[in-house]
Amino acid sequence: MTLTLGIILIVVALLAGVALGFFIARQYMMKYLKDNPPINEEMLRMMMMQMGQKPSQKKINQMMNQMNKASEKQPKVKGKEKAKK
């Protein structure tokens, strides 16, 4: 009886940990994306205008493609290591 109870408690604790971890990770990602939104074409256009360049749609598309390629090639880094780079 105690072995069965122990196994049931371990399984329940594991399921509760997975569920809690999911919701904590979800909240963290939502907060992160709210604080650091991904760059879109409008933001890129504004940055170019602030630097004194006249942004054409062709140039914006080229820069977006370069940024997408660069982000795909970057290795996935976790936590504080990313902030140091």
N, C-alpha and C. Protein backbone atom coordinates (compact mmCIF):
# COMPACT_ATOMS: atom_id res chain seq x y z
N MET A 1 0.82 -1.20 0.00
CA MET A 1 0.00 0.00 0.00
C MET A 1 0.86 1.26 0.00
N THR A 2 1.91 1.30 0.81
CA THR A 2 2.72 2.50 0.88
C THR A 2 3.52 2.70 -0.40
N LEU A 3 3.91 1.61 -1.06
CA LEU A 3 4.63 1.73 -2.34
C LEU A 3 3.72 2.35 -3.40
N THR A 4 2.49 1.90 -3.45
CA THR A 4 1.51 2.44 -4.40
C THR A 4 1.27 3.92 -4.12
N LEU A 5 1.11 4.25 -2.86
CA LEU A 5 0.89 5.65 -2.48
C LEU A 5 2.09 6.51 -2.86
N GLY A 6 3.29 6.00 -2.64
CA GLY A 6 4.51 6.73 -3.00
C GLY A 6 4.60 6.96 -4.49
N ILE A 7 4.28 5.96 -5.29
CA ILE A 7 4.32 6.10 -6.76
C ILE A 7 3.29 7.11 -7.22
N ILE A 8 2.09 7.05 -6.64
CA ILE A 8 1.03 8.00 -7.02
C ILE A 8 1.45 9.42 -6.67
N LEU A 9 2.04 9.62 -5.50
CA LEU A 9 2.49 10.96 -5.10
C LEU A 9 3.59 11.48 -6.03
N ILE A 10 4.50 10.61 -6.44
CA ILE A 10 5.57 11.02 -7.36
C ILE A 10 4.98 11.45 -8.70
N VAL A 11 4.03 10.67 -9.21
CA VAL A 11 3.41 10.99 -10.51
C VAL A 11 2.64 12.30 -10.40
N VAL A 12 1.90 12.50 -9.33
CA VAL A 12 1.13 13.74 -9.14
C VAL A 12 2.08 14.94 -9.04
N ALA A 13 3.17 14.78 -8.29
CA ALA A 13 4.13 15.87 -8.14
C ALA A 13 4.78 16.19 -9.49
N LEU A 14 5.08 15.17 -10.27
CA LEU A 14 5.67 15.39 -11.58
C LEU A 14 4.72 16.14 -12.51
N LEU A 15 3.45 15.73 -12.53
CA LEU A 15 2.46 16.42 -13.36
C LEU A 15 2.24 17.86 -12.90
N ALA A 16 2.21 18.07 -11.59
CA ALA A 16 2.04 19.43 -11.07
C ALA A 16 3.25 20.29 -11.43
N GLY A 17 4.44 19.74 -11.37
CA GLY A 17 5.65 20.48 -11.73
C GLY A 17 5.67 20.86 -13.20
N VAL A 18 5.25 19.93 -14.05
CA VAL A 18 5.20 20.22 -15.49
C VAL A 18 4.19 21.33 -15.78
N ALA A 19 3.01 21.23 -15.17
CA ALA A 19 1.98 22.25 -15.39
C ALA A 19 2.44 23.61 -14.87
N LEU A 20 3.01 23.64 -13.68
CA LEU A 20 3.47 24.89 -13.10
C LEU A 20 4.61 25.49 -13.94
N GLY A 21 5.53 24.64 -14.37
CA GLY A 21 6.64 25.11 -15.21
C GLY A 21 6.16 25.69 -16.52
N PHE A 22 5.14 25.06 -17.11
CA PHE A 22 4.58 25.57 -18.37
C PHE A 22 4.01 26.97 -18.18
N PHE A 23 3.21 27.16 -17.13
CA PHE A 23 2.59 28.46 -16.93
C PHE A 23 3.61 29.53 -16.55
N ILE A 24 4.62 29.18 -15.78
CA ILE A 24 5.65 30.16 -15.44
C ILE A 24 6.44 30.55 -16.69
N ALA A 25 6.80 29.58 -17.52
CA ALA A 25 7.53 29.87 -18.75
C ALA A 25 6.68 30.72 -19.70
N ARG A 26 5.39 30.43 -19.76
CA ARG A 26 4.49 31.20 -20.63
C ARG A 26 4.42 32.67 -20.18
N GLN A 27 4.25 32.88 -18.88
CA GLN A 27 4.20 34.24 -18.35
C GLN A 27 5.51 34.98 -18.60
N TYR A 28 6.63 34.29 -18.41
CA TYR A 28 7.94 34.91 -18.63
C TYR A 28 8.10 35.33 -20.09
N MET A 29 7.73 34.47 -21.02
CA MET A 29 7.87 34.80 -22.44
C MET A 29 6.94 35.95 -22.83
N MET A 30 5.73 35.97 -22.31
CA MET A 30 4.81 37.06 -22.62
C MET A 30 5.36 38.39 -22.11
N LYS A 31 5.92 38.39 -20.91
CA LYS A 31 6.51 39.61 -20.36
C LYS A 31 7.72 40.03 -21.18
N TYR A 32 8.56 39.07 -21.57
CA TYR A 32 9.76 39.36 -22.35
C TYR A 32 9.39 39.97 -23.70
N LEU A 33 8.41 39.40 -24.38
CA LEU A 33 8.00 39.93 -25.69
C LEU A 33 7.33 41.30 -25.56
N LYS A 34 6.66 41.54 -24.44
CA LYS A 34 6.06 42.85 -24.21
C LYS A 34 7.15 43.90 -23.99
N ASP A 35 8.18 43.56 -23.21
CA ASP A 35 9.27 44.49 -22.93
C ASP A 35 10.22 44.65 -24.12
N ASN A 36 10.43 43.60 -24.90
CA ASN A 36 11.37 43.62 -26.03
C ASN A 36 10.68 43.10 -27.29
N PRO A 37 9.84 43.93 -27.92
CA PRO A 37 9.14 43.43 -29.11
C PRO A 37 10.12 43.18 -30.25
N PRO A 38 9.81 42.20 -31.10
CA PRO A 38 10.67 41.94 -32.25
C PRO A 38 10.62 43.12 -33.23
N ILE A 39 11.69 43.31 -33.96
CA ILE A 39 11.77 44.45 -34.90
C ILE A 39 10.92 44.15 -36.12
N ASN A 40 10.09 45.11 -36.51
CA ASN A 40 9.31 44.97 -37.73
C ASN A 40 9.72 46.06 -38.72
N GLU A 41 9.07 46.09 -39.86
CA GLU A 41 9.45 47.03 -40.92
C GLU A 41 9.29 48.48 -40.50
N GLU A 42 8.24 48.78 -39.74
CA GLU A 42 8.02 50.17 -39.30
C GLU A 42 9.13 50.64 -38.38
N MET A 43 9.55 49.79 -37.47
CA MET A 43 10.63 50.16 -36.55
C MET A 43 11.93 50.37 -37.33
N LEU A 44 12.17 49.50 -38.30
CA LEU A 44 13.37 49.61 -39.12
C LEU A 44 13.35 50.90 -39.93
N ARG A 45 12.20 51.24 -40.47
CA ARG A 45 12.04 52.49 -41.25
C ARG A 45 12.32 53.70 -40.36
N MET A 46 11.80 53.68 -39.14
CA MET A 46 12.03 54.80 -38.22
C MET A 46 13.50 54.93 -37.86
N MET A 47 14.16 53.79 -37.62
CA MET A 47 15.58 53.84 -37.26
C MET A 47 16.40 54.41 -38.42
N MET A 48 16.08 54.03 -39.64
CA MET A 48 16.82 54.54 -40.80
C MET A 48 16.60 56.04 -40.96
N MET A 49 15.37 56.49 -40.72
CA MET A 49 15.09 57.93 -40.84
C MET A 49 15.83 58.71 -39.75
N GLN A 50 15.94 58.14 -38.55
CA GLN A 50 16.67 58.82 -37.48
C GLN A 50 18.16 58.89 -37.78
N MET A 51 18.66 57.93 -38.54
CA MET A 51 20.08 57.94 -38.91
C MET A 51 20.34 58.84 -40.13
N GLY A 52 19.28 59.44 -40.66
CA GLY A 52 19.46 60.36 -41.77
C GLY A 52 19.41 59.71 -43.13
N GLN A 53 18.93 58.47 -43.22
CA GLN A 53 18.82 57.78 -44.50
C GLN A 53 17.38 57.83 -44.98
N LYS A 54 17.22 57.86 -46.30
CA LYS A 54 15.88 57.80 -46.87
C LYS A 54 15.58 56.33 -47.16
N PRO A 55 14.70 55.72 -46.39
CA PRO A 55 14.47 54.29 -46.56
C PRO A 55 13.58 53.98 -47.76
N SER A 56 14.09 53.15 -48.66
CA SER A 56 13.26 52.64 -49.75
C SER A 56 12.77 51.26 -49.34
N GLN A 57 11.70 50.82 -49.96
CA GLN A 57 11.14 49.52 -49.60
C GLN A 57 12.13 48.40 -49.91
N LYS A 58 12.90 48.56 -50.99
CA LYS A 58 13.89 47.55 -51.36
C LYS A 58 14.96 47.42 -50.26
N LYS A 59 15.43 48.56 -49.77
CA LYS A 59 16.46 48.54 -48.73
C LYS A 59 15.92 47.95 -47.43
N ILE A 60 14.69 48.26 -47.09
CA ILE A 60 14.08 47.72 -45.88
C ILE A 60 13.94 46.20 -46.01
N ASN A 61 13.50 45.73 -47.18
CA ASN A 61 13.37 44.29 -47.38
C ASN A 61 14.72 43.60 -47.27
N GLN A 62 15.77 44.22 -47.82
CA GLN A 62 17.11 43.63 -47.73
C GLN A 62 17.56 43.54 -46.27
N MET A 63 17.34 44.59 -45.51
CA MET A 63 17.76 44.58 -44.11
C MET A 63 16.97 43.57 -43.29
N MET A 64 15.67 43.44 -43.56
CA MET A 64 14.86 42.45 -42.86
C MET A 64 15.35 41.04 -43.18
N ASN A 65 15.67 40.79 -44.44
CA ASN A 65 16.19 39.47 -44.82
C ASN A 65 17.52 39.19 -44.13
N GLN A 66 18.40 40.19 -44.07
CA GLN A 66 19.69 40.01 -43.40
C GLN A 66 19.49 39.72 -41.91
N MET A 67 18.57 40.43 -41.28
CA MET A 67 18.32 40.21 -39.86
C MET A 67 17.74 38.82 -39.61
N ASN A 68 16.85 38.38 -40.50
CA ASN A 68 16.26 37.05 -40.33
C ASN A 68 17.32 35.96 -40.51
N LYS A 69 18.20 36.14 -41.49
CA LYS A 69 19.26 35.15 -41.71
C LYS A 69 20.23 35.13 -40.53
N ALA A 70 20.55 36.29 -40.00
CA ALA A 70 21.47 36.37 -38.86
C ALA A 70 20.86 35.72 -37.63
N SER A 71 19.56 35.91 -37.41
CA SER A 71 18.93 35.33 -36.23
C SER A 71 18.80 33.81 -36.37
N GLU A 72 18.69 33.30 -37.59
CA GLU A 72 18.62 31.85 -37.78
C GLU A 72 19.97 31.19 -37.56
N LYS A 73 21.06 31.90 -37.86
CA LYS A 73 22.39 31.33 -37.73
C LYS A 73 22.91 31.38 -36.31
N GLN A 74 22.35 32.28 -35.47
CA GLN A 74 22.83 32.43 -34.10
C GLN A 74 22.50 31.19 -33.30
N PRO A 75 23.46 30.73 -32.49
CA PRO A 75 23.16 29.59 -31.62
C PRO A 75 22.21 30.03 -30.51
N LYS A 76 21.41 29.12 -30.05
CA LYS A 76 20.47 29.43 -28.97
C LYS A 76 21.24 29.55 -27.67
N VAL A 77 21.15 30.73 -27.02
CA VAL A 77 21.86 30.98 -25.77
C VAL A 77 20.83 31.27 -24.71
N LYS A 78 21.05 30.72 -23.53
CA LYS A 78 20.08 30.89 -22.45
C LYS A 78 20.53 31.95 -21.46
N GLY A 79 19.54 32.60 -20.87
CA GLY A 79 19.73 33.47 -19.71
C GLY A 79 20.76 34.57 -19.81
N LYS A 80 21.63 34.65 -18.80
CA LYS A 80 22.56 35.76 -18.65
C LYS A 80 23.69 35.72 -19.67
N GLU A 81 23.96 34.57 -20.25
CA GLU A 81 25.04 34.48 -21.25
C GLU A 81 24.70 35.34 -22.46
N LYS A 82 23.40 35.41 -22.81
CA LYS A 82 22.99 36.21 -23.96
C LYS A 82 23.20 37.70 -23.69
N ALA A 83 22.96 38.14 -22.46
CA ALA A 83 23.10 39.54 -22.11
C ALA A 83 24.56 39.98 -22.17
N LYS A 84 25.49 39.06 -21.92
CA LYS A 84 26.90 39.41 -21.92
C LYS A 84 27.44 39.64 -23.32
N LYS A 85 26.82 39.04 -24.33
CA LYS A 85 27.35 39.15 -25.69
C LYS A 85 27.00 40.41 -26.37
